[in-house]
Amino acid sequence: MLQQPLYSLFIRLIPENLIVIYAICLLTESDVNLKNLFISGIIGGICVYLTRMLPIHFGVHTILSVMLMIVLAIRLNGIEIHKAITASLTSVILLFISDLMFVVFYNALNFTSALSGQTLVSVLAGVPSLVLFYFIVRFIIFIKGMRVKNEQY
């Protein structure tokens, strides 16, 4: 069980799910419907928050969260199942990479004591990794677009 304060839902989980669903839409080249995006992000954030409170082993909540993202991408955003699975796994891996980069960065600054626990500081320390994740996704989409332009000529 991973205890989290309620403010982590609004500061970290809902924005994280919004960006993950947005990344899934971008990676699958589907239309982004803002209403469905926000509904998916809020439902995803709440479900992840509740899943983390379950008495299950660490890591199982991640698998359940990925499955939830796939279902939300298919049901609310109209993405094909095989594309939703691929994009969800890609998005979660990119999110883990951006989180890992900031953990290494905070480790180098000896800031790890503030990251332990579920304090407001530790929740806020996770926000820059979301921004990095967003820019990584935008960079991948940019490169993907450049590749398509080069193939057309």
N, C-alpha and C. Protein backbone atom coordinates (compact mmCIF):
# COMPACT_ATOMS: atom_id res chain seq x y z
N MET A 1 0.84 -1.17 0.00
CA MET A 1 0.00 0.00 0.00
C MET A 1 0.89 1.24 0.00
N LEU A 2 0.56 2.17 -0.85
CA LEU A 2 1.31 3.41 -0.97
C LEU A 2 0.41 4.55 -0.51
N GLN A 3 0.66 5.03 0.69
CA GLN A 3 -0.16 6.11 1.24
C GLN A 3 0.21 7.42 0.56
N GLN A 4 -0.81 8.13 0.10
CA GLN A 4 -0.57 9.42 -0.52
C GLN A 4 -1.58 10.43 0.01
N PRO A 5 -1.12 11.65 0.25
CA PRO A 5 -2.06 12.68 0.68
C PRO A 5 -2.97 13.09 -0.49
N LEU A 6 -4.09 13.67 -0.17
CA LEU A 6 -5.07 14.05 -1.19
C LEU A 6 -4.52 15.09 -2.16
N TYR A 7 -3.65 15.97 -1.69
CA TYR A 7 -3.12 17.00 -2.59
C TYR A 7 -2.25 16.41 -3.70
N SER A 8 -1.70 15.21 -3.50
CA SER A 8 -0.92 14.58 -4.57
C SER A 8 -1.80 14.22 -5.76
N LEU A 9 -3.10 14.01 -5.50
CA LEU A 9 -4.03 13.74 -6.59
C LEU A 9 -4.10 14.94 -7.54
N PHE A 10 -4.15 16.14 -6.99
CA PHE A 10 -4.31 17.33 -7.81
C PHE A 10 -2.99 17.87 -8.34
N ILE A 11 -1.91 17.68 -7.58
CA ILE A 11 -0.61 18.23 -7.99
C ILE A 11 0.12 17.28 -8.94
N ARG A 12 0.00 15.97 -8.73
CA ARG A 12 0.78 15.03 -9.51
C ARG A 12 -0.06 14.08 -10.37
N LEU A 13 -1.04 13.42 -9.79
CA LEU A 13 -1.70 12.32 -10.48
C LEU A 13 -2.60 12.75 -11.64
N ILE A 14 -3.44 13.73 -11.42
CA ILE A 14 -4.31 14.18 -12.52
C ILE A 14 -3.49 14.81 -13.65
N PRO A 15 -2.54 15.72 -13.36
CA PRO A 15 -1.71 16.23 -14.47
C PRO A 15 -0.90 15.14 -15.17
N GLU A 16 -0.39 14.17 -14.40
CA GLU A 16 0.36 13.06 -15.00
C GLU A 16 -0.52 12.28 -15.95
N ASN A 17 -1.73 11.98 -15.55
CA ASN A 17 -2.62 11.22 -16.41
C ASN A 17 -3.08 12.03 -17.62
N LEU A 18 -3.26 13.32 -17.44
CA LEU A 18 -3.58 14.18 -18.59
C LEU A 18 -2.46 14.12 -19.64
N ILE A 19 -1.24 14.22 -19.17
CA ILE A 19 -0.11 14.21 -20.10
C ILE A 19 0.07 12.83 -20.72
N VAL A 20 -0.14 11.77 -19.95
CA VAL A 20 -0.01 10.42 -20.50
C VAL A 20 -1.07 10.18 -21.57
N ILE A 21 -2.31 10.54 -21.31
CA ILE A 21 -3.37 10.37 -22.31
C ILE A 21 -3.09 11.23 -23.54
N TYR A 22 -2.61 12.45 -23.30
CA TYR A 22 -2.24 13.32 -24.41
C TYR A 22 -1.11 12.70 -25.23
N ALA A 23 -0.13 12.12 -24.55
CA ALA A 23 0.97 11.46 -25.25
C ALA A 23 0.47 10.27 -26.06
N ILE A 24 -0.47 9.53 -25.49
CA ILE A 24 -1.04 8.39 -26.22
C ILE A 24 -1.73 8.88 -27.49
N CYS A 25 -2.49 9.96 -27.38
CA CYS A 25 -3.16 10.52 -28.56
C CYS A 25 -2.15 10.99 -29.60
N LEU A 26 -1.09 11.64 -29.15
CA LEU A 26 -0.08 12.13 -30.09
C LEU A 26 0.69 10.97 -30.74
N LEU A 27 1.05 9.98 -29.94
CA LEU A 27 1.83 8.86 -30.48
C LEU A 27 1.02 8.01 -31.45
N THR A 28 -0.29 7.97 -31.27
CA THR A 28 -1.14 7.19 -32.18
C THR A 28 -1.67 8.05 -33.33
N GLU A 29 -1.28 9.32 -33.33
CA GLU A 29 -1.70 10.27 -34.36
C GLU A 29 -3.22 10.38 -34.45
N SER A 30 -3.89 10.27 -33.30
CA SER A 30 -5.35 10.43 -33.27
C SER A 30 -5.69 11.88 -32.96
N ASP A 31 -6.92 12.20 -33.24
CA ASP A 31 -7.41 13.55 -32.93
C ASP A 31 -7.49 13.71 -31.42
N VAL A 32 -7.11 14.88 -30.95
CA VAL A 32 -7.16 15.17 -29.52
C VAL A 32 -8.45 15.94 -29.23
N ASN A 33 -9.37 15.28 -28.54
CA ASN A 33 -10.61 15.90 -28.10
C ASN A 33 -10.38 16.36 -26.66
N LEU A 34 -10.35 17.66 -26.44
CA LEU A 34 -10.00 18.19 -25.12
C LEU A 34 -10.96 17.74 -24.02
N LYS A 35 -12.23 17.64 -24.34
CA LYS A 35 -13.20 17.19 -23.35
C LYS A 35 -12.89 15.76 -22.91
N ASN A 36 -12.69 14.88 -23.86
CA ASN A 36 -12.37 13.48 -23.54
C ASN A 36 -11.00 13.37 -22.87
N LEU A 37 -10.09 14.24 -23.26
CA LEU A 37 -8.76 14.24 -22.65
C LEU A 37 -8.85 14.58 -21.17
N PHE A 38 -9.60 15.62 -20.84
CA PHE A 38 -9.74 16.02 -19.44
C PHE A 38 -10.52 14.98 -18.63
N ILE A 39 -11.55 14.42 -19.22
CA ILE A 39 -12.31 13.36 -18.52
C ILE A 39 -11.41 12.17 -18.26
N SER A 40 -10.64 11.77 -19.26
CA SER A 40 -9.71 10.64 -19.11
C SER A 40 -8.67 10.93 -18.03
N GLY A 41 -8.13 12.14 -18.03
CA GLY A 41 -7.12 12.51 -17.05
C GLY A 41 -7.65 12.50 -15.63
N ILE A 42 -8.86 13.01 -15.44
CA ILE A 42 -9.45 13.05 -14.11
C ILE A 42 -9.80 11.63 -13.64
N ILE A 43 -10.44 10.86 -14.51
CA ILE A 43 -10.79 9.48 -14.14
C ILE A 43 -9.52 8.69 -13.86
N GLY A 44 -8.52 8.83 -14.73
CA GLY A 44 -7.26 8.13 -14.55
C GLY A 44 -6.57 8.50 -13.25
N GLY A 45 -6.52 9.80 -12.95
CA GLY A 45 -5.88 10.26 -11.72
C GLY A 45 -6.56 9.71 -10.48
N ILE A 46 -7.88 9.77 -10.47
CA ILE A 46 -8.63 9.25 -9.31
C ILE A 46 -8.45 7.75 -9.17
N CYS A 47 -8.52 7.02 -10.28
CA CYS A 47 -8.35 5.56 -10.23
C CYS A 47 -6.94 5.17 -9.78
N VAL A 48 -5.93 5.88 -10.26
CA VAL A 48 -4.56 5.59 -9.84
C VAL A 48 -4.39 5.88 -8.35
N TYR A 49 -4.97 6.99 -7.90
CA TYR A 49 -4.92 7.34 -6.48
C TYR A 49 -5.54 6.24 -5.62
N LEU A 50 -6.71 5.76 -6.05
CA LEU A 50 -7.39 4.70 -5.30
C LEU A 50 -6.65 3.36 -5.41
N THR A 51 -6.07 3.09 -6.57
CA THR A 51 -5.31 1.85 -6.76
C THR A 51 -4.09 1.81 -5.86
N ARG A 52 -3.44 2.94 -5.70
CA ARG A 52 -2.25 2.99 -4.84
C ARG A 52 -2.59 2.78 -3.37
N MET A 53 -3.84 2.96 -3.01
CA MET A 53 -4.25 2.75 -1.63
C MET A 53 -4.60 1.29 -1.34
N LEU A 54 -4.68 0.47 -2.39
CA LEU A 54 -5.00 -0.95 -2.20
C LEU A 54 -3.84 -1.68 -1.54
N PRO A 55 -4.13 -2.71 -0.75
CA PRO A 55 -3.06 -3.49 -0.12
C PRO A 55 -2.45 -4.52 -1.08
N ILE A 56 -1.77 -4.03 -2.10
CA ILE A 56 -1.13 -4.90 -3.09
C ILE A 56 0.36 -4.60 -3.11
N HIS A 57 1.12 -5.52 -3.71
CA HIS A 57 2.57 -5.35 -3.77
C HIS A 57 2.93 -4.16 -4.64
N PHE A 58 4.06 -3.56 -4.29
CA PHE A 58 4.55 -2.41 -5.04
C PHE A 58 4.83 -2.84 -6.48
N GLY A 59 4.38 -2.10 -7.43
CA GLY A 59 4.57 -2.41 -8.84
C GLY A 59 3.30 -2.92 -9.50
N VAL A 60 2.45 -3.58 -8.72
CA VAL A 60 1.19 -4.08 -9.28
C VAL A 60 0.29 -2.91 -9.64
N HIS A 61 0.34 -1.85 -8.84
CA HIS A 61 -0.48 -0.67 -9.16
C HIS A 61 -0.06 -0.05 -10.48
N THR A 62 1.20 -0.20 -10.85
CA THR A 62 1.67 0.33 -12.14
C THR A 62 1.05 -0.46 -13.29
N ILE A 63 1.01 -1.76 -13.15
CA ILE A 63 0.41 -2.61 -14.18
C ILE A 63 -1.08 -2.29 -14.31
N LEU A 64 -1.75 -2.13 -13.18
CA LEU A 64 -3.17 -1.78 -13.21
C LEU A 64 -3.37 -0.40 -13.83
N SER A 65 -2.47 0.52 -13.55
CA SER A 65 -2.57 1.87 -14.12
C SER A 65 -2.38 1.84 -15.63
N VAL A 66 -1.46 1.04 -16.11
CA VAL A 66 -1.25 0.93 -17.56
C VAL A 66 -2.49 0.33 -18.22
N MET A 67 -3.06 -0.68 -17.59
CA MET A 67 -4.28 -1.28 -18.14
C MET A 67 -5.42 -0.25 -18.17
N LEU A 68 -5.50 0.57 -17.14
CA LEU A 68 -6.51 1.62 -17.09
C LEU A 68 -6.29 2.63 -18.21
N MET A 69 -5.04 3.02 -18.45
CA MET A 69 -4.74 3.97 -19.52
C MET A 69 -5.15 3.40 -20.88
N ILE A 70 -4.92 2.12 -21.06
CA ILE A 70 -5.31 1.47 -22.32
C ILE A 70 -6.82 1.52 -22.48
N VAL A 71 -7.55 1.18 -21.42
CA VAL A 71 -9.02 1.19 -21.49
C VAL A 71 -9.53 2.60 -21.74
N LEU A 72 -8.97 3.60 -21.06
CA LEU A 72 -9.41 4.98 -21.27
C LEU A 72 -9.09 5.45 -22.70
N ALA A 73 -7.94 5.05 -23.21
CA ALA A 73 -7.59 5.44 -24.58
C ALA A 73 -8.54 4.83 -25.60
N ILE A 74 -8.95 3.60 -25.34
CA ILE A 74 -9.85 2.92 -26.28
C ILE A 74 -11.27 3.45 -26.15
N ARG A 75 -11.78 3.48 -24.93
CA ARG A 75 -13.19 3.82 -24.70
C ARG A 75 -13.50 5.30 -24.87
N LEU A 76 -12.73 6.15 -24.25
CA LEU A 76 -13.05 7.58 -24.27
C LEU A 76 -12.42 8.33 -25.44
N ASN A 77 -11.28 7.86 -25.91
CA ASN A 77 -10.56 8.60 -26.94
C ASN A 77 -10.61 7.93 -28.30
N GLY A 78 -11.26 6.78 -28.39
CA GLY A 78 -11.48 6.13 -29.67
C GLY A 78 -10.23 5.65 -30.39
N ILE A 79 -9.25 5.21 -29.66
CA ILE A 79 -8.00 4.75 -30.26
C ILE A 79 -8.07 3.22 -30.44
N GLU A 80 -7.55 2.74 -31.54
CA GLU A 80 -7.54 1.29 -31.79
C GLU A 80 -6.74 0.58 -30.72
N ILE A 81 -7.13 -0.65 -30.44
CA ILE A 81 -6.57 -1.38 -29.29
C ILE A 81 -5.07 -1.60 -29.42
N HIS A 82 -4.60 -2.03 -30.57
CA HIS A 82 -3.16 -2.30 -30.70
C HIS A 82 -2.34 -1.02 -30.62
N LYS A 83 -2.87 0.08 -31.15
CA LYS A 83 -2.19 1.37 -31.04
C LYS A 83 -2.21 1.87 -29.60
N ALA A 84 -3.33 1.66 -28.91
CA ALA A 84 -3.46 2.10 -27.52
C ALA A 84 -2.48 1.36 -26.62
N ILE A 85 -2.32 0.07 -26.85
CA ILE A 85 -1.39 -0.72 -26.03
C ILE A 85 0.04 -0.24 -26.25
N THR A 86 0.43 -0.11 -27.50
CA THR A 86 1.79 0.32 -27.82
C THR A 86 2.08 1.72 -27.27
N ALA A 87 1.16 2.64 -27.51
CA ALA A 87 1.37 4.02 -27.06
C ALA A 87 1.34 4.13 -25.54
N SER A 88 0.50 3.35 -24.88
CA SER A 88 0.45 3.39 -23.41
C SER A 88 1.76 2.89 -22.81
N LEU A 89 2.25 1.79 -23.33
CA LEU A 89 3.52 1.27 -22.81
C LEU A 89 4.66 2.22 -23.10
N THR A 90 4.67 2.80 -24.29
CA THR A 90 5.70 3.77 -24.64
C THR A 90 5.63 4.98 -23.72
N SER A 91 4.43 5.47 -23.47
CA SER A 91 4.25 6.65 -22.61
C SER A 91 4.72 6.37 -21.19
N VAL A 92 4.37 5.21 -20.66
CA VAL A 92 4.76 4.87 -19.29
C VAL A 92 6.28 4.71 -19.19
N ILE A 93 6.88 4.10 -20.19
CA ILE A 93 8.35 3.96 -20.19
C ILE A 93 9.01 5.33 -20.24
N LEU A 94 8.50 6.23 -21.08
CA LEU A 94 9.06 7.58 -21.16
C LEU A 94 8.86 8.33 -19.84
N LEU A 95 7.72 8.12 -19.20
CA LEU A 95 7.47 8.74 -17.90
C LEU A 95 8.46 8.21 -16.85
N PHE A 96 8.70 6.91 -16.86
CA PHE A 96 9.68 6.34 -15.94
C PHE A 96 11.07 6.88 -16.19
N ILE A 97 11.43 7.05 -17.46
CA ILE A 97 12.75 7.58 -17.80
C ILE A 97 12.89 9.02 -17.29
N SER A 98 11.86 9.83 -17.48
CA SER A 98 11.95 11.22 -17.00
C SER A 98 11.98 11.26 -15.48
N ASP A 99 11.23 10.39 -14.81
CA ASP A 99 11.30 10.32 -13.34
C ASP A 99 12.69 9.88 -12.88
N LEU A 100 13.24 8.91 -13.57
CA LEU A 100 14.57 8.42 -13.22
C LEU A 100 15.63 9.51 -13.40
N MET A 101 15.50 10.28 -14.47
CA MET A 101 16.47 11.36 -14.70
C MET A 101 16.43 12.38 -13.56
N PHE A 102 15.25 12.68 -13.06
CA PHE A 102 15.17 13.64 -11.96
C PHE A 102 15.60 13.04 -10.64
N VAL A 103 15.39 11.75 -10.45
CA VAL A 103 15.89 11.11 -9.23
C VAL A 103 17.41 11.15 -9.22
N VAL A 104 18.03 10.88 -10.36
CA VAL A 104 19.49 10.95 -10.45
C VAL A 104 19.96 12.39 -10.22
N PHE A 105 19.24 13.35 -10.80
CA PHE A 105 19.58 14.76 -10.63
C PHE A 105 19.46 15.17 -9.16
N TYR A 106 18.37 14.79 -8.51
CA TYR A 106 18.18 15.13 -7.10
C TYR A 106 19.20 14.40 -6.22
N ASN A 107 19.57 13.20 -6.62
CA ASN A 107 20.60 12.45 -5.90
C ASN A 107 21.93 13.19 -5.95
N ALA A 108 22.26 13.73 -7.13
CA ALA A 108 23.51 14.45 -7.28
C ALA A 108 23.53 15.72 -6.42
N LEU A 109 22.37 16.28 -6.17
CA LEU A 109 22.27 17.48 -5.34
C LEU A 109 22.07 17.16 -3.85
N ASN A 110 22.10 15.89 -3.51
CA ASN A 110 21.81 15.44 -2.13
C ASN A 110 20.46 15.94 -1.65
N PHE A 111 19.50 15.87 -2.52
CA PHE A 111 18.14 16.32 -2.23
C PHE A 111 17.22 15.14 -1.96
N THR A 112 17.79 13.95 -1.79
CA THR A 112 16.99 12.74 -1.67
C THR A 112 16.20 12.67 -0.37
N SER A 113 16.64 13.34 0.68
CA SER A 113 15.89 13.29 1.94
C SER A 113 14.51 13.92 1.78
N ALA A 114 14.41 14.93 0.92
CA ALA A 114 13.11 15.56 0.69
C ALA A 114 12.21 14.70 -0.19
N LEU A 115 12.79 13.79 -0.94
CA LEU A 115 12.00 12.94 -1.83
C LEU A 115 11.37 11.76 -1.12
N SER A 116 11.91 11.40 0.03
CA SER A 116 11.35 10.27 0.75
C SER A 116 10.07 10.71 1.45
N GLY A 117 9.13 9.81 1.50
CA GLY A 117 7.85 10.13 2.11
C GLY A 117 6.92 10.79 1.12
N GLN A 118 5.78 11.18 1.58
CA GLN A 118 4.77 11.80 0.73
C GLN A 118 4.44 13.20 1.23
N THR A 119 5.46 14.00 1.38
CA THR A 119 5.26 15.38 1.82
C THR A 119 4.96 16.26 0.62
N LEU A 120 4.56 17.47 0.89
CA LEU A 120 4.28 18.41 -0.20
C LEU A 120 5.53 18.67 -1.03
N VAL A 121 6.69 18.73 -0.38
CA VAL A 121 7.95 18.96 -1.09
C VAL A 121 8.24 17.80 -2.05
N SER A 122 8.01 16.57 -1.60
CA SER A 122 8.29 15.42 -2.46
C SER A 122 7.31 15.35 -3.63
N VAL A 123 6.07 15.75 -3.41
CA VAL A 123 5.10 15.78 -4.51
C VAL A 123 5.47 16.87 -5.50
N LEU A 124 5.84 18.05 -5.00
CA LEU A 124 6.24 19.14 -5.88
C LEU A 124 7.55 18.83 -6.62
N ALA A 125 8.41 18.04 -6.01
CA ALA A 125 9.67 17.68 -6.66
C ALA A 125 9.44 16.78 -7.86
N GLY A 126 8.28 16.14 -7.94
CA GLY A 126 7.96 15.30 -9.08
C GLY A 126 7.40 16.05 -10.27
N VAL A 127 7.01 17.29 -10.07
CA VAL A 127 6.39 18.07 -11.15
C VAL A 127 7.38 18.34 -12.30
N PRO A 128 8.65 18.68 -12.04
CA PRO A 128 9.56 18.90 -13.18
C PRO A 128 9.73 17.68 -14.08
N SER A 129 9.61 16.49 -13.52
CA SER A 129 9.72 15.30 -14.38
C SER A 129 8.52 15.20 -15.32
N LEU A 130 7.36 15.70 -14.90
CA LEU A 130 6.21 15.74 -15.80
C LEU A 130 6.44 16.70 -16.96
N VAL A 131 7.05 17.85 -16.64
CA VAL A 131 7.37 18.82 -17.69
C VAL A 131 8.39 18.21 -18.67
N LEU A 132 9.40 17.54 -18.13
CA LEU A 132 10.38 16.87 -18.98
C LEU A 132 9.71 15.80 -19.84
N PHE A 133 8.82 15.02 -19.24
CA PHE A 133 8.08 13.99 -19.98
C PHE A 133 7.31 14.62 -21.15
N TYR A 134 6.64 15.72 -20.89
CA TYR A 134 5.89 16.41 -21.94
C TYR A 134 6.83 16.82 -23.08
N PHE A 135 7.99 17.39 -22.75
CA PHE A 135 8.92 17.83 -23.79
C PHE A 135 9.54 16.65 -24.53
N ILE A 136 9.75 15.54 -23.85
CA ILE A 136 10.25 14.34 -24.53
C ILE A 136 9.22 13.86 -25.55
N VAL A 137 7.97 13.83 -25.16
CA VAL A 137 6.90 13.40 -26.08
C VAL A 137 6.81 14.36 -27.26
N ARG A 138 6.85 15.67 -26.99
CA ARG A 138 6.79 16.64 -28.09
C ARG A 138 8.00 16.50 -29.02
N PHE A 139 9.17 16.20 -28.45
CA PHE A 139 10.37 16.00 -29.26
C PHE A 139 10.21 14.77 -30.15
N ILE A 140 9.68 13.70 -29.61
CA ILE A 140 9.46 12.48 -30.40
C ILE A 140 8.48 12.75 -31.53
N ILE A 141 7.43 13.50 -31.25
CA ILE A 141 6.46 13.85 -32.28
C ILE A 141 7.11 14.73 -33.34
N PHE A 142 7.96 15.65 -32.93
CA PHE A 142 8.68 16.51 -33.87
C PHE A 142 9.58 15.67 -34.78
N ILE A 143 10.33 14.75 -34.19
CA ILE A 143 11.21 13.87 -34.98
C ILE A 143 10.39 13.00 -35.92
N LYS A 144 9.28 12.49 -35.41
CA LYS A 144 8.39 11.67 -36.23
C LYS A 144 7.87 12.47 -37.42
N GLY A 145 7.51 13.73 -37.20
CA GLY A 145 7.05 14.61 -38.27
C GLY A 145 8.14 14.91 -39.27
N MET A 146 9.36 15.10 -38.79
CA MET A 146 10.49 15.34 -39.69
C MET A 146 10.75 14.12 -40.57
N ARG A 147 10.61 12.94 -39.98
CA ARG A 147 10.83 11.70 -40.74
C ARG A 147 9.79 11.57 -41.85
N VAL A 148 8.56 11.90 -41.52
CA VAL A 148 7.48 11.81 -42.52
C VAL A 148 7.73 12.82 -43.64
N LYS A 149 8.16 14.05 -43.31
CA LYS A 149 8.45 15.06 -44.33
C LYS A 149 9.59 14.59 -45.24
N ASN A 150 10.62 13.97 -44.66
CA ASN A 150 11.75 13.51 -45.46
C ASN A 150 11.36 12.34 -46.35
N GLU A 151 10.43 11.52 -45.91
CA GLU A 151 9.99 10.39 -46.73
C GLU A 151 9.14 10.84 -47.90
N GLN A 152 8.47 11.99 -47.77
CA GLN A 152 7.61 12.48 -48.84
C GLN A 152 8.43 13.04 -50.00
N TYR A 153 9.64 13.49 -49.74
CA TYR A 153 10.44 14.10 -50.81
C TYR A 153 11.34 13.12 -51.45
